[in-house]
Amino acid sequence: MTIDIQTDKKIMRVEARARRADLALACPDIAARIAQFASALPVPPHAKVSAYVALKGEADPAELAQVLAERGCEICYPRVHQKAQPLRFHVPILGEHFVRSAFGVLEPRPDWPVAMPDVLLVPMLAFDAEGFRLGYGGGFYDRTLAHLRAAQPVVAIGIAFAGLEVPAVPHDASDERLDMVVTERGIRRFGIE
C-alpha cells in the first residue's frame, strides 16, 4: 500500500468516525432496521454466518444475526489470533461469555468450536459505490476475505449507516470488495444478485 493511500485512509477514518457518531445518535434503532432486510439477502438456510459484536456507534448486526439464526443459519464470530493473519471464527457456547481482546473488541474464546463461514457480516467506517470499505486499519477483514475466497465462495455483506457512503474509498490490490452493504435504508449490491 502506498504512503499516499495510507495517509488518505487515516484522514478519511477521522472524518468517518465523527460522521458515524452523529449517525448513531440519529438512528438508535439501526439494528432493527437492518434486520428487516434479512429475507432479501442471499443467505441460504443453514449457511455459516460470521457476525460481530458491535462497538459503540457501529451499525449493530445483532438483530440480523438473530433472524438468520432463526432461519437455521449457524452464527459464528471472528477472533484475532495473531497480528497480520486472517481472523479465525468460533461458534459461541450457550451460557459462556465473550472476552475482550487487546483491541477492545468482544471476541469468542479460543476454545469455542471453530467455524468456516460462508457469509461474513463486516463492520466498517465508510464504503463506496464500487464495494470498497474503509476499515479500522488492521487489514484483518481484507486478509480474511482473500484467504476464505481462495478456498470457497464467500459472500461479504457490509453493515453500515447509509450516511457512511463516500464517493471513493482509497484502495489498492490488497483491499477486498464487499458484495453488498445493508443499511437502515436497504441493500446496496455491488456484483452479485
C-alpha atoms as a PDB file:
ATOM      1  CA  MET A   1       0.000   0.000   0.000  1.00  0.00           C
ATOM      2  CA  THR A   2       1.438   3.375  -0.952  1.00  0.00           C
ATOM      3  CA  ILE A   3       2.070   6.134   1.567  1.00  0.00           C
ATOM      4  CA  ASP A   4      -0.497   8.353  -0.160  1.00  0.00           C
ATOM      5  CA  ILE A   5      -3.249   5.730   0.208  1.00  0.00           C
ATOM      6  CA  GLN A   6      -2.333   5.138   3.858  1.00  0.00           C
ATOM      7  CA  THR A   7      -2.449   8.889   4.557  1.00  0.00           C
ATOM      8  CA  ASP A   8      -5.744   9.290   2.693  1.00  0.00           C
ATOM      9  CA  LYS A   9      -7.259   6.414   4.673  1.00  0.00           C
ATOM     10  CA  LYS A  10      -6.110   7.872   8.010  1.00  0.00           C
ATOM     11  CA  ILE A  11      -7.706  11.225   7.192  1.00  0.00           C
ATOM     12  CA  MET A  12     -10.888   9.528   5.976  1.00  0.00           C
ATOM     13  CA  ARG A  13     -11.078   7.423   9.182  1.00  0.00           C
ATOM     14  CA  VAL A  14     -11.105  10.528  11.376  1.00  0.00           C
ATOM     15  CA  GLU A  15     -13.882  12.086   9.300  1.00  0.00           C
ATOM     16  CA  ALA A  16     -15.875   8.840   9.123  1.00  0.00           C
ATOM     17  CA  ARG A  17     -15.720   8.252  12.895  1.00  0.00           C
ATOM     18  CA  ALA A  18     -17.155  11.715  13.535  1.00  0.00           C
ATOM     19  CA  ARG A  19     -19.881  11.249  10.923  1.00  0.00           C
ATOM     20  CA  ARG A  20     -20.716   7.775  12.255  1.00  0.00           C
ATOM     21  CA  ALA A  21     -21.098   9.127  15.804  1.00  0.00           C
ATOM     22  CA  ASP A  22     -23.706  11.602  14.539  1.00  0.00           C
ATOM     23  CA  LEU A  23     -25.487   8.937  12.503  1.00  0.00           C
ATOM     24  CA  ALA A  24     -25.618   6.586  15.503  1.00  0.00           C
ATOM     25  CA  LEU A  25     -27.339   9.283  17.565  1.00  0.00           C
ATOM     26  CA  ALA A  26     -29.829   9.965  14.764  1.00  0.00           C
ATOM     27  CA  CYS A  27     -30.629   6.264  14.212  1.00  0.00           C
ATOM     28  CA  PRO A  28     -30.535   4.424  17.555  1.00  0.00           C
ATOM     29  CA  ASP A  29     -32.675   1.587  16.139  1.00  0.00           C
ATOM     30  CA  ILE A  30     -30.194   0.681  13.385  1.00  0.00           C
ATOM     31  CA  ALA A  31     -30.109  -2.999  14.466  1.00  0.00           C
ATOM     32  CA  ALA A  32     -33.861  -3.418  13.960  1.00  0.00           C
ATOM     33  CA  ARG A  33     -33.840  -1.509  10.682  1.00  0.00           C
ATOM     34  CA  ILE A  34     -31.056  -3.645   9.245  1.00  0.00           C
ATOM     35  CA  ALA A  35     -32.756  -6.863  10.384  1.00  0.00           C
ATOM     36  CA  GLN A  36     -35.863  -6.073   8.342  1.00  0.00           C
ATOM     37  CA  PHE A  37     -33.860  -6.764   5.155  1.00  0.00           C
ATOM     38  CA  ALA A  38     -32.818 -10.296   6.155  1.00  0.00           C
ATOM     39  CA  SER A  39     -35.159 -12.039   3.730  1.00  0.00           C
ATOM     40  CA  ALA A  40     -33.733 -10.083   0.782  1.00  0.00           C
ATOM     41  CA  LEU A  41     -30.154 -11.195   1.479  1.00  0.00           C
ATOM     42  CA  PRO A  42     -28.602 -14.113  -0.445  1.00  0.00           C
ATOM     43  CA  VAL A  43     -28.125 -16.153   2.710  1.00  0.00           C
ATOM     44  CA  PRO A  44     -29.436 -19.700   2.385  1.00  0.00           C
ATOM     45  CA  PRO A  45     -30.835 -21.547   5.393  1.00  0.00           C
ATOM     46  CA  HIS A  46     -28.105 -23.439   7.233  1.00  0.00           C
ATOM     47  CA  ALA A  47     -25.348 -21.106   5.991  1.00  0.00           C
ATOM     48  CA  LYS A  48     -22.500 -20.385   8.374  1.00  0.00           C
ATOM     49  CA  VAL A  49     -22.623 -16.640   9.028  1.00  0.00           C
ATOM     50  CA  SER A  50     -19.977 -14.577  10.772  1.00  0.00           C
ATOM     51  CA  ALA A  51     -21.425 -11.677  12.753  1.00  0.00           C
ATOM     52  CA  TYR A  52     -19.569  -9.342  15.140  1.00  0.00           C
ATOM     53  CA  VAL A  53     -20.225  -7.684  18.482  1.00  0.00           C
ATOM     54  CA  ALA A  54     -20.674  -4.019  17.620  1.00  0.00           C
ATOM     55  CA  LEU A  55     -18.543  -1.332  19.200  1.00  0.00           C
ATOM     56  CA  LYS A  56     -20.208   1.829  20.459  1.00  0.00           C
ATOM     57  CA  GLY A  57     -21.537   3.724  17.461  1.00  0.00           C
ATOM     58  CA  GLU A  58     -21.132   0.865  14.978  1.00  0.00           C
ATOM     59  CA  ALA A  59     -24.061  -0.392  12.940  1.00  0.00           C
ATOM     60  CA  ASP A  60     -25.109  -3.401  15.004  1.00  0.00           C
ATOM     61  CA  PRO A  61     -25.782  -6.724  13.212  1.00  0.00           C
ATOM     62  CA  ALA A  62     -27.148  -8.452  16.338  1.00  0.00           C
ATOM     63  CA  GLU A  63     -30.821  -8.498  15.307  1.00  0.00           C
ATOM     64  CA  LEU A  64     -29.963  -9.504  11.738  1.00  0.00           C
ATOM     65  CA  ALA A  65     -27.854 -12.364  13.105  1.00  0.00           C
ATOM     66  CA  GLN A  66     -30.779 -13.412  15.305  1.00  0.00           C
ATOM     67  CA  VAL A  67     -33.168 -13.514  12.325  1.00  0.00           C
ATOM     68  CA  LEU A  68     -30.644 -15.538  10.329  1.00  0.00           C
ATOM     69  CA  ALA A  69     -30.187 -17.934  13.255  1.00  0.00           C
ATOM     70  CA  GLU A  70     -33.964 -18.411  13.428  1.00  0.00           C
ATOM     71  CA  ARG A  71     -33.843 -19.352   9.712  1.00  0.00           C
ATOM     72  CA  GLY A  72     -31.368 -22.111  10.560  1.00  0.00           C
ATOM     73  CA  CYS A  73     -28.038 -20.357   9.991  1.00  0.00           C
ATOM     74  CA  GLU A  74     -25.113 -21.110  12.277  1.00  0.00           C
ATOM     75  CA  ILE A  75     -23.763 -17.834  13.680  1.00  0.00           C
ATOM     76  CA  CYS A  76     -20.083 -17.535  14.468  1.00  0.00           C
ATOM     77  CA  TYR A  77     -17.846 -14.642  15.488  1.00  0.00           C
ATOM     78  CA  PRO A  78     -14.337 -13.534  14.485  1.00  0.00           C
ATOM     79  CA  ARG A  79     -11.301 -13.602  16.720  1.00  0.00           C
ATOM     80  CA  VAL A  80      -7.869 -12.107  16.160  1.00  0.00           C
ATOM     81  CA  HIS A  81      -5.442 -14.900  16.911  1.00  0.00           C
ATOM     82  CA  GLN A  82      -2.295 -13.332  15.532  1.00  0.00           C
ATOM     83  CA  LYS A  83      -1.356  -9.941  14.126  1.00  0.00           C
ATOM     84  CA  ALA A  84      -1.173  -9.765  10.309  1.00  0.00           C
ATOM     85  CA  GLN A  85      -3.059 -13.076   9.940  1.00  0.00           C
ATOM     86  CA  PRO A  86      -6.639 -13.823   8.827  1.00  0.00           C
ATOM     87  CA  LEU A  87      -9.308 -13.893  11.510  1.00  0.00           C
ATOM     88  CA  ARG A  88     -10.459 -17.192  12.997  1.00  0.00           C
ATOM     89  CA  PHE A  89     -14.129 -17.900  13.630  1.00  0.00           C
ATOM     90  CA  HIS A  90     -15.817 -19.600  16.559  1.00  0.00           C
ATOM     91  CA  VAL A  91     -19.369 -20.605  17.468  1.00  0.00           C
ATOM     92  CA  PRO A  92     -20.487 -19.315  20.878  1.00  0.00           C
ATOM     93  CA  ILE A  93     -21.288 -21.775  23.639  1.00  0.00           C
ATOM     94  CA  LEU A  94     -24.579 -21.107  25.388  1.00  0.00           C
ATOM     95  CA  GLY A  95     -24.024 -19.578  28.816  1.00  0.00           C
ATOM     96  CA  GLU A  96     -20.392 -18.626  28.174  1.00  0.00           C
ATOM     97  CA  HIS A  97     -19.233 -15.038  27.715  1.00  0.00           C
ATOM     98  CA  PHE A  98     -17.157 -13.314  25.077  1.00  0.00           C
ATOM     99  CA  VAL A  99     -13.735 -11.976  26.083  1.00  0.00           C
ATOM    100  CA  ARG A 100     -12.305  -8.511  25.416  1.00  0.00           C
ATOM    101  CA  SER A 101      -9.360  -8.507  23.004  1.00  0.00           C
ATOM    102  CA  ALA A 102      -6.270  -6.299  23.096  1.00  0.00           C
ATOM    103  CA  PHE A 103      -8.118  -4.114  20.544  1.00  0.00           C
ATOM    104  CA  GLY A 104     -11.042  -3.619  22.964  1.00  0.00           C
ATOM    105  CA  VAL A 105     -13.362  -5.797  20.875  1.00  0.00           C
ATOM    106  CA  LEU A 106     -15.538  -8.541  22.344  1.00  0.00           C
ATOM    107  CA  GLU A 107     -14.440 -11.818  20.766  1.00  0.00           C
ATOM    108  CA  PRO A 108     -15.200 -15.510  21.139  1.00  0.00           C
ATOM    109  CA  ARG A 109     -12.971 -17.592  23.348  1.00  0.00           C
ATOM    110  CA  PRO A 110     -10.323 -19.598  21.504  1.00  0.00           C
ATOM    111  CA  ASP A 111     -11.632 -22.885  22.938  1.00  0.00           C
ATOM    112  CA  TRP A 112     -15.099 -22.461  21.413  1.00  0.00           C
ATOM    113  CA  PRO A 113     -15.908 -24.613  18.342  1.00  0.00           C
ATOM    114  CA  VAL A 114     -14.181 -23.442  15.156  1.00  0.00           C
ATOM    115  CA  ALA A 115     -16.292 -22.481  12.114  1.00  0.00           C
ATOM    116  CA  MET A 116     -15.627 -21.654   8.462  1.00  0.00           C
ATOM    117  CA  PRO A 117     -18.205 -19.027   7.410  1.00  0.00           C
ATOM    118  CA  ASP A 118     -19.924 -18.852   4.014  1.00  0.00           C
ATOM    119  CA  VAL A 119     -21.154 -15.322   4.718  1.00  0.00           C
ATOM    120  CA  LEU A 120     -19.419 -12.515   6.599  1.00  0.00           C
ATOM    121  CA  LEU A 121     -21.207  -9.534   8.121  1.00  0.00           C
ATOM    122  CA  VAL A 122     -18.473  -6.917   8.017  1.00  0.00           C
ATOM    123  CA  PRO A 123     -18.112  -3.742  10.133  1.00  0.00           C
ATOM    124  CA  MET A 124     -16.737  -0.537   8.608  1.00  0.00           C
ATOM    125  CA  LEU A 125     -16.228   3.189   8.809  1.00  0.00           C
ATOM    126  CA  ALA A 126     -17.226   4.000   5.209  1.00  0.00           C
ATOM    127  CA  PHE A 127     -17.964   2.422   1.830  1.00  0.00           C
ATOM    128  CA  ASP A 128     -18.253   3.459  -1.805  1.00  0.00           C
ATOM    129  CA  ALA A 129     -20.341   2.503  -4.846  1.00  0.00           C
ATOM    130  CA  GLU A 130     -17.623   0.110  -6.044  1.00  0.00           C
ATOM    131  CA  GLY A 131     -17.959  -2.031  -2.906  1.00  0.00           C
ATOM    132  CA  PHE A 132     -14.726  -0.934  -1.248  1.00  0.00           C
ATOM    133  CA  ARG A 133     -14.875  -0.395   2.506  1.00  0.00           C
ATOM    134  CA  LEU A 134     -12.861   1.699   4.879  1.00  0.00           C
ATOM    135  CA  GLY A 135     -11.940  -0.450   7.861  1.00  0.00           C
ATOM    136  CA  TYR A 136     -10.045   0.353  11.016  1.00  0.00           C
ATOM    137  CA  GLY A 137      -6.552  -0.018   9.591  1.00  0.00           C
ATOM    138  CA  GLY A 138      -5.517  -3.505  10.707  1.00  0.00           C
ATOM    139  CA  GLY A 139      -6.311  -5.231   7.409  1.00  0.00           C
ATOM    140  CA  PHE A 140      -7.908  -8.182   9.191  1.00  0.00           C
ATOM    141  CA  TYR A 141     -11.056  -8.408   7.060  1.00  0.00           C
ATOM    142  CA  ASP A 142      -9.137  -7.920   3.795  1.00  0.00           C
ATOM    143  CA  ARG A 143      -6.713 -10.735   4.681  1.00  0.00           C
ATOM    144  CA  THR A 144      -9.576 -12.910   5.890  1.00  0.00           C
ATOM    145  CA  LEU A 145     -11.715 -12.408   2.787  1.00  0.00           C
ATOM    146  CA  ALA A 146      -8.754 -13.091   0.491  1.00  0.00           C
ATOM    147  CA  HIS A 147      -7.946 -16.262   2.471  1.00  0.00           C
ATOM    148  CA  LEU A 148     -11.530 -17.542   2.522  1.00  0.00           C
ATOM    149  CA  ARG A 149     -12.250 -16.644  -1.103  1.00  0.00           C
ATOM    150  CA  ALA A 150      -9.189 -18.612  -2.191  1.00  0.00           C
ATOM    151  CA  ALA A 151     -10.777 -21.728  -0.694  1.00  0.00           C
ATOM    152  CA  GLN A 152     -14.511 -21.349  -1.401  1.00  0.00           C
ATOM    153  CA  PRO A 153     -17.191 -18.873  -2.478  1.00  0.00           C
ATOM    154  CA  VAL A 154     -17.836 -16.385   0.339  1.00  0.00           C
ATOM    155  CA  VAL A 155     -20.313 -13.510   0.451  1.00  0.00           C
ATOM    156  CA  ALA A 156     -19.161 -10.332   2.211  1.00  0.00           C
ATOM    157  CA  ILE A 157     -22.018  -8.157   3.445  1.00  0.00           C
ATOM    158  CA  GLY A 158     -21.054  -4.809   4.912  1.00  0.00           C
ATOM    159  CA  ILE A 159     -23.144  -3.453   7.781  1.00  0.00           C
ATOM    160  CA  ALA A 160     -23.275   0.342   7.922  1.00  0.00           C
ATOM    161  CA  PHE A 161     -25.271   3.514   8.208  1.00  0.00           C
ATOM    162  CA  ALA A 162     -26.355   4.773   4.768  1.00  0.00           C
ATOM    163  CA  GLY A 163     -24.728   8.123   5.523  1.00  0.00           C
ATOM    164  CA  LEU A 164     -21.298   6.462   5.549  1.00  0.00           C
ATOM    165  CA  GLU A 165     -21.260   6.097   1.769  1.00  0.00           C
ATOM    166  CA  VAL A 166     -18.493   8.220   0.275  1.00  0.00           C
ATOM    167  CA  PRO A 167     -17.600   8.997  -3.356  1.00  0.00           C
ATOM    168  CA  ALA A 168     -14.472   6.804  -3.237  1.00  0.00           C
ATOM    169  CA  VAL A 169     -12.560   4.775  -0.675  1.00  0.00           C
ATOM    170  CA  PRO A 170      -8.802   4.781  -1.338  1.00  0.00           C
ATOM    171  CA  HIS A 171      -7.757   1.235  -2.193  1.00  0.00           C
ATOM    172  CA  ASP A 172      -5.100  -0.962  -3.721  1.00  0.00           C
ATOM    173  CA  ALA A 173      -4.738  -4.608  -4.720  1.00  0.00           C
ATOM    174  CA  SER A 174      -4.830  -5.815  -1.090  1.00  0.00           C
ATOM    175  CA  ASP A 175      -8.304  -4.359  -0.471  1.00  0.00           C
ATOM    176  CA  GLU A 176     -11.155  -6.841  -0.890  1.00  0.00           C
ATOM    177  CA  ARG A 177     -14.515  -5.689  -2.227  1.00  0.00           C
ATOM    178  CA  LEU A 178     -17.793  -6.276  -0.471  1.00  0.00           C
ATOM    179  CA  ASP A 179     -20.595  -7.983  -2.351  1.00  0.00           C
ATOM    180  CA  MET A 180     -23.187  -5.704  -0.787  1.00  0.00           C
ATOM    181  CA  VAL A 181     -23.899  -3.364   2.114  1.00  0.00           C
ATOM    182  CA  VAL A 182     -27.012  -3.396   4.292  1.00  0.00           C
ATOM    183  CA  THR A 183     -28.007  -0.057   5.779  1.00  0.00           C
ATOM    184  CA  GLU A 184     -31.083   1.273   7.533  1.00  0.00           C
ATOM    185  CA  ARG A 185     -32.357   2.268   4.056  1.00  0.00           C
ATOM    186  CA  GLY A 186     -31.876  -1.049   2.287  1.00  0.00           C
ATOM    187  CA  ILE A 187     -29.346  -3.147   0.412  1.00  0.00           C
ATOM    188  CA  ARG A 188     -26.677  -1.868  -1.991  1.00  0.00           C
ATOM    189  CA  ARG A 189     -25.420  -4.650  -4.265  1.00  0.00           C
ATOM    190  CA  PHE A 190     -22.011  -4.438  -5.907  1.00  0.00           C
ATOM    191  CA  GLY A 191     -21.678  -7.533  -8.029  1.00  0.00           C
ATOM    192  CA  ILE A 192     -23.966 -10.404  -7.055  1.00  0.00           C
ATOM    193  CA  GLU A 193     -27.677 -10.874  -7.158  1.00  0.00           C
END
